Amino acid sequence: MSELEEALVGESAHVSPEHILEGLGDSVVNRKIAGAPHTIYEELWHIIFWLEMSLDWIAGAETPYPAKPEEAFPWKPENQRESWGQLSQRFFRGIEEAAAIARDPERLNEVVRCTSRPGQPVRTMTVREQLESLAAHDAYHFGRIVLLRQLCGAWPPDAGGFTW
């Protein structure tokens, strides 16, 4: 497994997403923590928002960049209709698609157009750069999920995880 694929689905810089999301139920993922801006559910929804946006860009679809930051979180009630299980499965399907792209060396140097914040010019980057950006984004938000799990007393998962 390449380091890029490992950063997306493995344990490159942190516990794998599979283990970070392991063993969570509705009572934990929807729990509001004082001082935390988002729940675990909302953090994963946000991760998927950008995962799907990245996959769109890689596929050549110029999906528009959100006009406001809150649009990249499930601020509308209809965006919270998926069960935790459905949301998790949607993440795993998407991240496996991203990992499959990372395994294809011929695709990694392709240039893709990535829309930008409103009023900014469209950016271009290679597929590799887009996947690296996605992996960094995911690592940040999975770190937040781990912290939320710790605050809920739901860390480490049964599969184990770093406790520092």
N, C-alpha and C. Protein backbone atom coordinates (compact mmCIF):
# COMPACT_ATOMS: atom_id res chain seq x y z
N MET A 1 0.86 -1.17 0.00
CA MET A 1 0.00 0.00 0.00
C MET A 1 0.91 1.24 0.00
N SER A 2 0.62 2.17 -0.91
CA SER A 2 1.41 3.40 -0.97
C SER A 2 1.11 4.26 0.25
N GLU A 3 2.00 5.22 0.51
CA GLU A 3 1.78 6.13 1.63
C GLU A 3 0.52 6.96 1.42
N LEU A 4 0.22 7.32 0.19
CA LEU A 4 -1.00 8.08 -0.09
C LEU A 4 -2.24 7.25 0.24
N GLU A 5 -2.26 6.01 -0.20
CA GLU A 5 -3.40 5.14 0.12
C GLU A 5 -3.48 4.92 1.63
N GLU A 6 -2.33 4.72 2.26
CA GLU A 6 -2.28 4.54 3.71
C GLU A 6 -2.84 5.77 4.44
N ALA A 7 -2.53 6.97 3.94
CA ALA A 7 -3.03 8.20 4.56
C ALA A 7 -4.55 8.30 4.43
N LEU A 8 -5.11 7.73 3.39
CA LEU A 8 -6.56 7.79 3.18
C LEU A 8 -7.32 6.75 4.01
N VAL A 9 -6.82 5.52 4.04
CA VAL A 9 -7.60 4.43 4.66
C VAL A 9 -6.87 3.68 5.77
N GLY A 10 -5.59 3.93 5.93
CA GLY A 10 -4.81 3.13 6.87
C GLY A 10 -4.44 3.87 8.13
N GLU A 11 -3.27 3.54 8.64
CA GLU A 11 -2.79 4.10 9.89
C GLU A 11 -1.51 4.89 9.67
N SER A 12 -1.47 5.69 8.63
CA SER A 12 -0.28 6.47 8.31
C SER A 12 0.09 7.42 9.44
N ALA A 13 -0.83 8.31 9.80
CA ALA A 13 -0.55 9.32 10.82
C ALA A 13 -1.44 9.19 12.04
N HIS A 14 -2.39 8.29 11.98
CA HIS A 14 -3.35 8.13 13.07
C HIS A 14 -4.04 6.78 12.93
N VAL A 15 -4.85 6.45 13.89
CA VAL A 15 -5.63 5.22 13.84
C VAL A 15 -6.48 5.25 12.57
N SER A 16 -6.72 4.11 11.97
CA SER A 16 -7.47 4.08 10.72
C SER A 16 -8.89 4.61 10.92
N PRO A 17 -9.45 5.22 9.88
CA PRO A 17 -10.85 5.69 9.98
C PRO A 17 -11.80 4.57 10.42
N GLU A 18 -11.55 3.37 9.95
CA GLU A 18 -12.41 2.24 10.34
C GLU A 18 -12.46 2.08 11.86
N HIS A 19 -11.31 2.18 12.51
CA HIS A 19 -11.27 2.03 13.97
C HIS A 19 -11.78 3.28 14.69
N ILE A 20 -11.52 4.45 14.11
CA ILE A 20 -12.02 5.68 14.74
C ILE A 20 -13.54 5.68 14.79
N LEU A 21 -14.18 5.12 13.77
CA LEU A 21 -15.65 5.10 13.70
C LEU A 21 -16.26 3.84 14.32
N GLU A 22 -15.44 2.93 14.75
CA GLU A 22 -15.89 1.64 15.28
C GLU A 22 -16.71 1.79 16.56
N GLY A 23 -17.79 1.01 16.63
CA GLY A 23 -18.54 0.86 17.87
C GLY A 23 -19.35 2.06 18.31
N LEU A 24 -19.61 2.98 17.40
CA LEU A 24 -20.37 4.17 17.79
C LEU A 24 -21.85 4.00 17.48
N GLY A 25 -22.68 4.49 18.38
CA GLY A 25 -24.12 4.46 18.18
C GLY A 25 -24.69 5.86 18.24
N ASP A 26 -25.98 5.96 17.99
CA ASP A 26 -26.65 7.26 17.91
C ASP A 26 -26.46 8.10 19.16
N SER A 27 -26.45 7.49 20.33
CA SER A 27 -26.35 8.29 21.56
C SER A 27 -25.02 9.03 21.65
N VAL A 28 -23.96 8.44 21.12
CA VAL A 28 -22.65 9.09 21.16
C VAL A 28 -22.48 10.03 19.98
N VAL A 29 -22.84 9.59 18.77
CA VAL A 29 -22.54 10.41 17.58
C VAL A 29 -23.38 11.68 17.51
N ASN A 30 -24.51 11.70 18.19
CA ASN A 30 -25.36 12.89 18.17
C ASN A 30 -25.27 13.71 19.45
N ARG A 31 -24.36 13.33 20.34
CA ARG A 31 -24.22 14.04 21.62
C ARG A 31 -23.56 15.39 21.41
N LYS A 32 -24.19 16.41 21.93
CA LYS A 32 -23.62 17.77 21.90
C LYS A 32 -22.68 17.89 23.10
N ILE A 33 -21.46 18.31 22.84
CA ILE A 33 -20.45 18.50 23.88
C ILE A 33 -20.28 20.00 24.09
N ALA A 34 -20.37 20.45 25.32
CA ALA A 34 -20.21 21.88 25.62
C ALA A 34 -18.90 22.39 25.05
N GLY A 35 -18.97 23.46 24.29
CA GLY A 35 -17.79 24.08 23.71
C GLY A 35 -17.38 23.52 22.36
N ALA A 36 -17.91 22.38 21.98
CA ALA A 36 -17.58 21.79 20.68
C ALA A 36 -18.60 22.26 19.65
N PRO A 37 -18.14 22.73 18.51
CA PRO A 37 -19.08 23.27 17.53
C PRO A 37 -19.91 22.23 16.79
N HIS A 38 -19.42 20.98 16.78
CA HIS A 38 -20.11 19.95 16.01
C HIS A 38 -20.13 18.63 16.76
N THR A 39 -21.10 17.80 16.42
CA THR A 39 -21.17 16.44 16.94
C THR A 39 -20.30 15.53 16.08
N ILE A 40 -20.11 14.30 16.52
CA ILE A 40 -19.38 13.32 15.72
C ILE A 40 -20.10 13.10 14.39
N TYR A 41 -21.42 13.00 14.43
CA TYR A 41 -22.21 12.84 13.20
C TYR A 41 -21.91 13.98 12.23
N GLU A 42 -21.94 15.19 12.73
CA GLU A 42 -21.71 16.36 11.88
C GLU A 42 -20.29 16.39 11.32
N GLU A 43 -19.32 15.97 12.12
CA GLU A 43 -17.93 15.91 11.65
C GLU A 43 -17.79 14.91 10.51
N LEU A 44 -18.40 13.72 10.65
CA LEU A 44 -18.30 12.73 9.58
C LEU A 44 -19.05 13.22 8.35
N TRP A 45 -20.20 13.83 8.53
CA TRP A 45 -20.96 14.37 7.39
C TRP A 45 -20.09 15.36 6.63
N HIS A 46 -19.36 16.21 7.35
CA HIS A 46 -18.47 17.19 6.73
C HIS A 46 -17.33 16.51 5.98
N ILE A 47 -16.75 15.48 6.58
CA ILE A 47 -15.69 14.72 5.90
C ILE A 47 -16.22 14.19 4.57
N ILE A 48 -17.42 13.62 4.59
CA ILE A 48 -18.01 13.05 3.37
C ILE A 48 -18.31 14.15 2.36
N PHE A 49 -18.77 15.31 2.82
CA PHE A 49 -19.04 16.42 1.91
C PHE A 49 -17.81 16.70 1.05
N TRP A 50 -16.64 16.84 1.69
CA TRP A 50 -15.42 17.16 0.94
C TRP A 50 -14.88 15.95 0.20
N LEU A 51 -15.08 14.75 0.72
CA LEU A 51 -14.68 13.54 0.00
C LEU A 51 -15.43 13.46 -1.32
N GLU A 52 -16.74 13.64 -1.28
CA GLU A 52 -17.53 13.56 -2.50
C GLU A 52 -17.20 14.71 -3.45
N MET A 53 -16.93 15.88 -2.90
CA MET A 53 -16.52 17.02 -3.72
C MET A 53 -15.20 16.69 -4.43
N SER A 54 -14.25 16.14 -3.70
CA SER A 54 -12.96 15.78 -4.29
C SER A 54 -13.12 14.73 -5.38
N LEU A 55 -13.94 13.72 -5.12
CA LEU A 55 -14.18 12.68 -6.14
C LEU A 55 -14.85 13.27 -7.37
N ASP A 56 -15.77 14.22 -7.17
CA ASP A 56 -16.39 14.90 -8.31
C ASP A 56 -15.32 15.62 -9.14
N TRP A 57 -14.46 16.38 -8.48
CA TRP A 57 -13.43 17.13 -9.20
C TRP A 57 -12.52 16.18 -9.97
N ILE A 58 -12.13 15.08 -9.33
CA ILE A 58 -11.26 14.11 -9.99
C ILE A 58 -11.96 13.51 -11.20
N ALA A 59 -13.28 13.33 -11.12
CA ALA A 59 -14.06 12.78 -12.23
C ALA A 59 -14.36 13.82 -13.31
N GLY A 60 -13.97 15.07 -13.07
CA GLY A 60 -14.18 16.11 -14.07
C GLY A 60 -15.44 16.94 -13.87
N ALA A 61 -16.17 16.70 -12.80
CA ALA A 61 -17.37 17.49 -12.50
C ALA A 61 -16.96 18.69 -11.65
N GLU A 62 -17.24 19.87 -12.11
CA GLU A 62 -16.86 21.08 -11.38
C GLU A 62 -17.96 21.45 -10.39
N THR A 63 -18.10 20.63 -9.37
CA THR A 63 -19.08 20.87 -8.32
C THR A 63 -18.74 22.19 -7.64
N PRO A 64 -19.74 23.05 -7.45
CA PRO A 64 -19.45 24.37 -6.88
C PRO A 64 -18.98 24.30 -5.44
N TYR A 65 -18.07 25.18 -5.13
CA TYR A 65 -17.55 25.36 -3.78
C TYR A 65 -18.67 26.01 -2.95
N PRO A 66 -18.82 25.61 -1.68
CA PRO A 66 -19.89 26.23 -0.88
C PRO A 66 -19.66 27.73 -0.70
N ALA A 67 -20.75 28.48 -0.73
CA ALA A 67 -20.67 29.93 -0.58
C ALA A 67 -20.32 30.33 0.85
N LYS A 68 -20.76 29.51 1.82
CA LYS A 68 -20.51 29.80 3.24
C LYS A 68 -20.01 28.53 3.91
N PRO A 69 -19.12 28.64 4.90
CA PRO A 69 -18.59 27.45 5.57
C PRO A 69 -19.67 26.52 6.11
N GLU A 70 -20.75 27.07 6.65
CA GLU A 70 -21.77 26.20 7.25
C GLU A 70 -22.46 25.31 6.21
N GLU A 71 -22.35 25.65 4.93
CA GLU A 71 -22.94 24.81 3.90
C GLU A 71 -22.22 23.46 3.77
N ALA A 72 -21.02 23.37 4.32
CA ALA A 72 -20.25 22.11 4.28
C ALA A 72 -20.49 21.27 5.53
N PHE A 73 -21.49 21.64 6.31
CA PHE A 73 -21.92 20.87 7.48
C PHE A 73 -23.42 20.65 7.35
N PRO A 74 -23.95 19.66 8.03
CA PRO A 74 -25.38 19.33 7.87
C PRO A 74 -26.30 20.28 8.63
N TRP A 75 -26.28 21.54 8.26
CA TRP A 75 -27.05 22.55 8.97
C TRP A 75 -28.54 22.50 8.63
N LYS A 76 -28.89 21.81 7.55
CA LYS A 76 -30.30 21.66 7.20
C LYS A 76 -30.81 20.34 7.78
N PRO A 77 -32.01 20.32 8.34
CA PRO A 77 -32.53 19.06 8.89
C PRO A 77 -32.54 17.91 7.89
N GLU A 78 -32.78 18.19 6.62
CA GLU A 78 -32.82 17.11 5.63
C GLU A 78 -31.45 16.49 5.41
N ASN A 79 -30.38 17.19 5.82
CA ASN A 79 -29.04 16.63 5.69
C ASN A 79 -28.70 15.68 6.83
N GLN A 80 -29.57 15.55 7.81
CA GLN A 80 -29.32 14.67 8.95
C GLN A 80 -30.27 13.47 8.96
N ARG A 81 -30.84 13.14 7.81
CA ARG A 81 -31.81 12.05 7.75
C ARG A 81 -31.18 10.68 7.67
N GLU A 82 -29.93 10.60 7.26
CA GLU A 82 -29.27 9.30 7.19
C GLU A 82 -28.99 8.79 8.59
N SER A 83 -29.15 7.51 8.77
CA SER A 83 -28.75 6.92 10.05
C SER A 83 -27.23 6.95 10.13
N TRP A 84 -26.71 6.75 11.32
CA TRP A 84 -25.26 6.69 11.50
C TRP A 84 -24.68 5.57 10.65
N GLY A 85 -25.34 4.43 10.60
CA GLY A 85 -24.85 3.31 9.79
C GLY A 85 -24.79 3.66 8.31
N GLN A 86 -25.83 4.32 7.81
CA GLN A 86 -25.85 4.72 6.40
C GLN A 86 -24.75 5.75 6.12
N LEU A 87 -24.59 6.70 7.02
CA LEU A 87 -23.57 7.73 6.85
C LEU A 87 -22.18 7.10 6.84
N SER A 88 -21.93 6.19 7.76
CA SER A 88 -20.63 5.51 7.83
C SER A 88 -20.36 4.73 6.55
N GLN A 89 -21.36 4.01 6.07
CA GLN A 89 -21.18 3.22 4.84
C GLN A 89 -20.91 4.12 3.64
N ARG A 90 -21.56 5.27 3.60
CA ARG A 90 -21.31 6.22 2.51
C ARG A 90 -19.86 6.70 2.56
N PHE A 91 -19.35 6.94 3.77
CA PHE A 91 -17.94 7.31 3.91
C PHE A 91 -17.04 6.19 3.40
N PHE A 92 -17.28 4.96 3.86
CA PHE A 92 -16.39 3.86 3.47
C PHE A 92 -16.42 3.60 1.97
N ARG A 93 -17.58 3.73 1.33
CA ARG A 93 -17.64 3.57 -0.13
C ARG A 93 -16.80 4.65 -0.81
N GLY A 94 -16.96 5.88 -0.38
CA GLY A 94 -16.22 6.98 -1.01
C GLY A 94 -14.73 6.91 -0.77
N ILE A 95 -14.32 6.58 0.44
CA ILE A 95 -12.89 6.56 0.73
C ILE A 95 -12.21 5.39 0.02
N GLU A 96 -12.94 4.29 -0.17
CA GLU A 96 -12.39 3.17 -0.95
C GLU A 96 -12.21 3.58 -2.41
N GLU A 97 -13.14 4.38 -2.92
CA GLU A 97 -13.00 4.90 -4.29
C GLU A 97 -11.75 5.78 -4.38
N ALA A 98 -11.55 6.63 -3.40
CA ALA A 98 -10.36 7.48 -3.38
C ALA A 98 -9.09 6.63 -3.28
N ALA A 99 -9.11 5.59 -2.46
CA ALA A 99 -7.94 4.71 -2.31
C ALA A 99 -7.65 3.97 -3.62
N ALA A 100 -8.69 3.57 -4.33
CA ALA A 100 -8.49 2.90 -5.63
C ALA A 100 -7.83 3.85 -6.62
N ILE A 101 -8.22 5.11 -6.60
CA ILE A 101 -7.59 6.10 -7.47
C ILE A 101 -6.13 6.26 -7.07
N ALA A 102 -5.84 6.26 -5.78
CA ALA A 102 -4.45 6.39 -5.31
C ALA A 102 -3.59 5.21 -5.76
N ARG A 103 -4.20 4.06 -6.00
CA ARG A 103 -3.45 2.87 -6.45
C ARG A 103 -3.16 2.90 -7.96
N ASP A 104 -3.72 3.86 -8.67
CA ASP A 104 -3.57 3.94 -10.12
C ASP A 104 -2.53 5.00 -10.48
N PRO A 105 -1.27 4.61 -10.64
CA PRO A 105 -0.21 5.60 -10.85
C PRO A 105 -0.41 6.47 -12.10
N GLU A 106 -1.08 5.95 -13.10
CA GLU A 106 -1.30 6.73 -14.32
C GLU A 106 -2.24 7.91 -14.08
N ARG A 107 -3.14 7.79 -13.13
CA ARG A 107 -4.10 8.87 -12.86
C ARG A 107 -3.53 9.97 -11.98
N LEU A 108 -2.53 9.65 -11.18
CA LEU A 108 -2.07 10.57 -10.15
C LEU A 108 -1.52 11.89 -10.69
N ASN A 109 -0.99 11.88 -11.90
CA ASN A 109 -0.43 13.12 -12.46
C ASN A 109 -1.40 13.88 -13.35
N GLU A 110 -2.62 13.36 -13.50
CA GLU A 110 -3.63 14.08 -14.27
C GLU A 110 -3.96 15.39 -13.56
N VAL A 111 -4.18 16.43 -14.32
CA VAL A 111 -4.55 17.73 -13.76
C VAL A 111 -6.07 17.82 -13.72
N VAL A 112 -6.59 18.26 -12.57
CA VAL A 112 -8.03 18.43 -12.41
C VAL A 112 -8.33 19.88 -12.02
N ARG A 113 -9.52 20.31 -12.41
CA ARG A 113 -9.98 21.65 -12.04
C ARG A 113 -10.77 21.54 -10.75
N CYS A 114 -10.44 22.39 -9.80
CA CYS A 114 -11.10 22.40 -8.50
C CYS A 114 -11.68 23.79 -8.29
N THR A 115 -12.96 23.85 -8.14
CA THR A 115 -13.56 25.17 -7.95
C THR A 115 -13.04 25.78 -6.65
N SER A 116 -13.14 27.08 -6.55
CA SER A 116 -12.63 27.82 -5.40
C SER A 116 -13.75 28.58 -4.72
N ARG A 117 -13.40 29.21 -3.63
CA ARG A 117 -14.35 30.07 -2.92
C ARG A 117 -14.94 31.07 -3.90
N PRO A 118 -16.19 31.48 -3.70
CA PRO A 118 -16.80 32.45 -4.60
C PRO A 118 -15.91 33.69 -4.77
N GLY A 119 -15.77 34.11 -6.02
CA GLY A 119 -14.96 35.27 -6.33
C GLY A 119 -13.49 34.97 -6.58
N GLN A 120 -13.07 33.73 -6.33
CA GLN A 120 -11.68 33.34 -6.54
C GLN A 120 -11.58 32.53 -7.84
N PRO A 121 -10.42 32.59 -8.52
CA PRO A 121 -10.28 31.83 -9.77
C PRO A 121 -10.28 30.32 -9.51
N VAL A 122 -10.71 29.57 -10.50
CA VAL A 122 -10.69 28.11 -10.41
C VAL A 122 -9.24 27.65 -10.29
N ARG A 123 -9.01 26.73 -9.37
CA ARG A 123 -7.66 26.20 -9.15
C ARG A 123 -7.49 24.92 -9.96
N THR A 124 -6.26 24.59 -10.24
CA THR A 124 -5.94 23.29 -10.82
C THR A 124 -4.92 22.62 -9.92
N MET A 125 -4.98 21.32 -9.88
CA MET A 125 -3.99 20.52 -9.16
C MET A 125 -3.99 19.13 -9.74
N THR A 126 -3.00 18.36 -9.41
CA THR A 126 -2.98 16.98 -9.88
C THR A 126 -3.91 16.15 -9.01
N VAL A 127 -4.27 14.99 -9.52
CA VAL A 127 -5.09 14.07 -8.73
C VAL A 127 -4.36 13.73 -7.44
N ARG A 128 -3.04 13.51 -7.52
CA ARG A 128 -2.26 13.22 -6.31
C ARG A 128 -2.40 14.35 -5.29
N GLU A 129 -2.27 15.59 -5.74
CA GLU A 129 -2.39 16.73 -4.83
C GLU A 129 -3.79 16.80 -4.22
N GLN A 130 -4.80 16.51 -5.03
CA GLN A 130 -6.17 16.54 -4.51
C GLN A 130 -6.35 15.46 -3.44
N LEU A 131 -5.81 14.26 -3.67
CA LEU A 131 -5.91 13.18 -2.69
C LEU A 131 -5.09 13.49 -1.44
N GLU A 132 -3.94 14.13 -1.61
CA GLU A 132 -3.14 14.54 -0.45
C GLU A 132 -3.90 15.57 0.39
N SER A 133 -4.53 16.51 -0.29
CA SER A 133 -5.32 17.51 0.41
C SER A 133 -6.49 16.85 1.15
N LEU A 134 -7.13 15.91 0.50
CA LEU A 134 -8.23 15.17 1.13
C LEU A 134 -7.74 14.42 2.36
N ALA A 135 -6.60 13.75 2.26
CA ALA A 135 -6.06 12.99 3.40
C ALA A 135 -5.74 13.91 4.57
N ALA A 136 -5.18 15.09 4.28
CA ALA A 136 -4.87 16.05 5.35
C ALA A 136 -6.16 16.56 5.99
N HIS A 137 -7.14 16.87 5.19
CA HIS A 137 -8.44 17.33 5.70
C HIS A 137 -9.06 16.27 6.59
N ASP A 138 -9.07 15.03 6.11
CA ASP A 138 -9.66 13.93 6.89
C ASP A 138 -8.93 13.75 8.21
N ALA A 139 -7.59 13.82 8.18
CA ALA A 139 -6.82 13.64 9.41
C ALA A 139 -7.21 14.68 10.45
N TYR A 140 -7.39 15.91 10.03
CA TYR A 140 -7.80 16.98 10.94
C TYR A 140 -9.15 16.66 11.58
N HIS A 141 -10.12 16.29 10.76
CA HIS A 141 -11.46 16.06 11.28
C HIS A 141 -11.57 14.74 12.04
N PHE A 142 -10.80 13.72 11.65
CA PHE A 142 -10.80 12.49 12.45
C PHE A 142 -10.16 12.73 13.80
N GLY A 143 -9.19 13.63 13.88
CA GLY A 143 -8.64 14.01 15.18
C GLY A 143 -9.71 14.63 16.05
N ARG A 144 -10.56 15.45 15.46
CA ARG A 144 -11.68 16.04 16.21
C ARG A 144 -12.64 14.95 16.68
N ILE A 145 -12.90 13.97 15.83
CA ILE A 145 -13.79 12.88 16.22
C ILE A 145 -13.20 12.10 17.38
N VAL A 146 -11.90 11.83 17.35
CA VAL A 146 -11.26 11.13 18.46
C VAL A 146 -11.40 11.95 19.75
N LEU A 147 -11.16 13.24 19.67
CA LEU A 147 -11.31 14.08 20.86
C LEU A 147 -12.75 14.04 21.38
N LEU A 148 -13.73 14.13 20.49
CA LEU A 148 -15.13 14.04 20.91
C LEU A 148 -15.43 12.70 21.55
N ARG A 149 -14.87 11.63 20.98
CA ARG A 149 -15.04 10.30 21.59
C ARG A 149 -14.43 10.28 22.99
N GLN A 150 -13.26 10.87 23.14
CA GLN A 150 -12.62 10.91 24.45
C GLN A 150 -13.50 11.66 25.45
N LEU A 151 -14.03 12.79 25.04
CA LEU A 151 -14.89 13.58 25.91
C LEU A 151 -16.18 12.85 26.27
N CYS A 152 -16.62 11.94 25.41
CA CYS A 152 -17.82 11.14 25.67
C CYS A 152 -17.49 9.87 26.45
N GLY A 153 -16.22 9.61 26.72
CA GLY A 153 -15.81 8.38 27.39
C GLY A 153 -15.93 7.17 26.49
N ALA A 154 -15.83 7.39 25.17
CA ALA A 154 -15.99 6.30 24.19
C ALA A 154 -14.71 6.05 23.41
N TRP A 155 -13.57 6.25 24.06
CA TRP A 155 -12.27 6.02 23.42
C TRP A 155 -11.36 5.33 24.40
N PRO A 156 -10.58 4.36 23.99
CA PRO A 156 -10.39 3.87 22.64
C PRO A 156 -11.47 2.86 22.24
N PRO A 157 -11.60 2.59 20.94
CA PRO A 157 -12.55 1.58 20.49
C PRO A 157 -12.03 0.19 20.85
N ASP A 158 -12.86 -0.82 20.69
CA ASP A 158 -12.45 -2.19 21.01
C ASP A 158 -11.20 -2.61 20.25
N ALA A 159 -11.05 -2.14 19.00
CA ALA A 159 -9.89 -2.52 18.20
C ALA A 159 -8.61 -1.86 18.71
N GLY A 160 -8.75 -0.91 19.61
CA GLY A 160 -7.59 -0.22 20.15
C GLY A 160 -7.40 1.12 19.49
N GLY A 161 -6.50 1.87 20.03
CA GLY A 161 -6.21 3.19 19.50
C GLY A 161 -5.25 3.89 20.42
N PHE A 162 -4.57 4.86 19.88
CA PHE A 162 -3.62 5.62 20.68
C PHE A 162 -4.39 6.34 21.78
N THR A 163 -3.85 6.36 22.97
CA THR A 163 -4.54 7.01 24.08
C THR A 163 -3.85 8.29 24.53
N TRP A 164 -2.77 8.68 23.87
CA TRP A 164 -2.10 9.91 24.29
C TRP A 164 -2.76 11.14 23.71
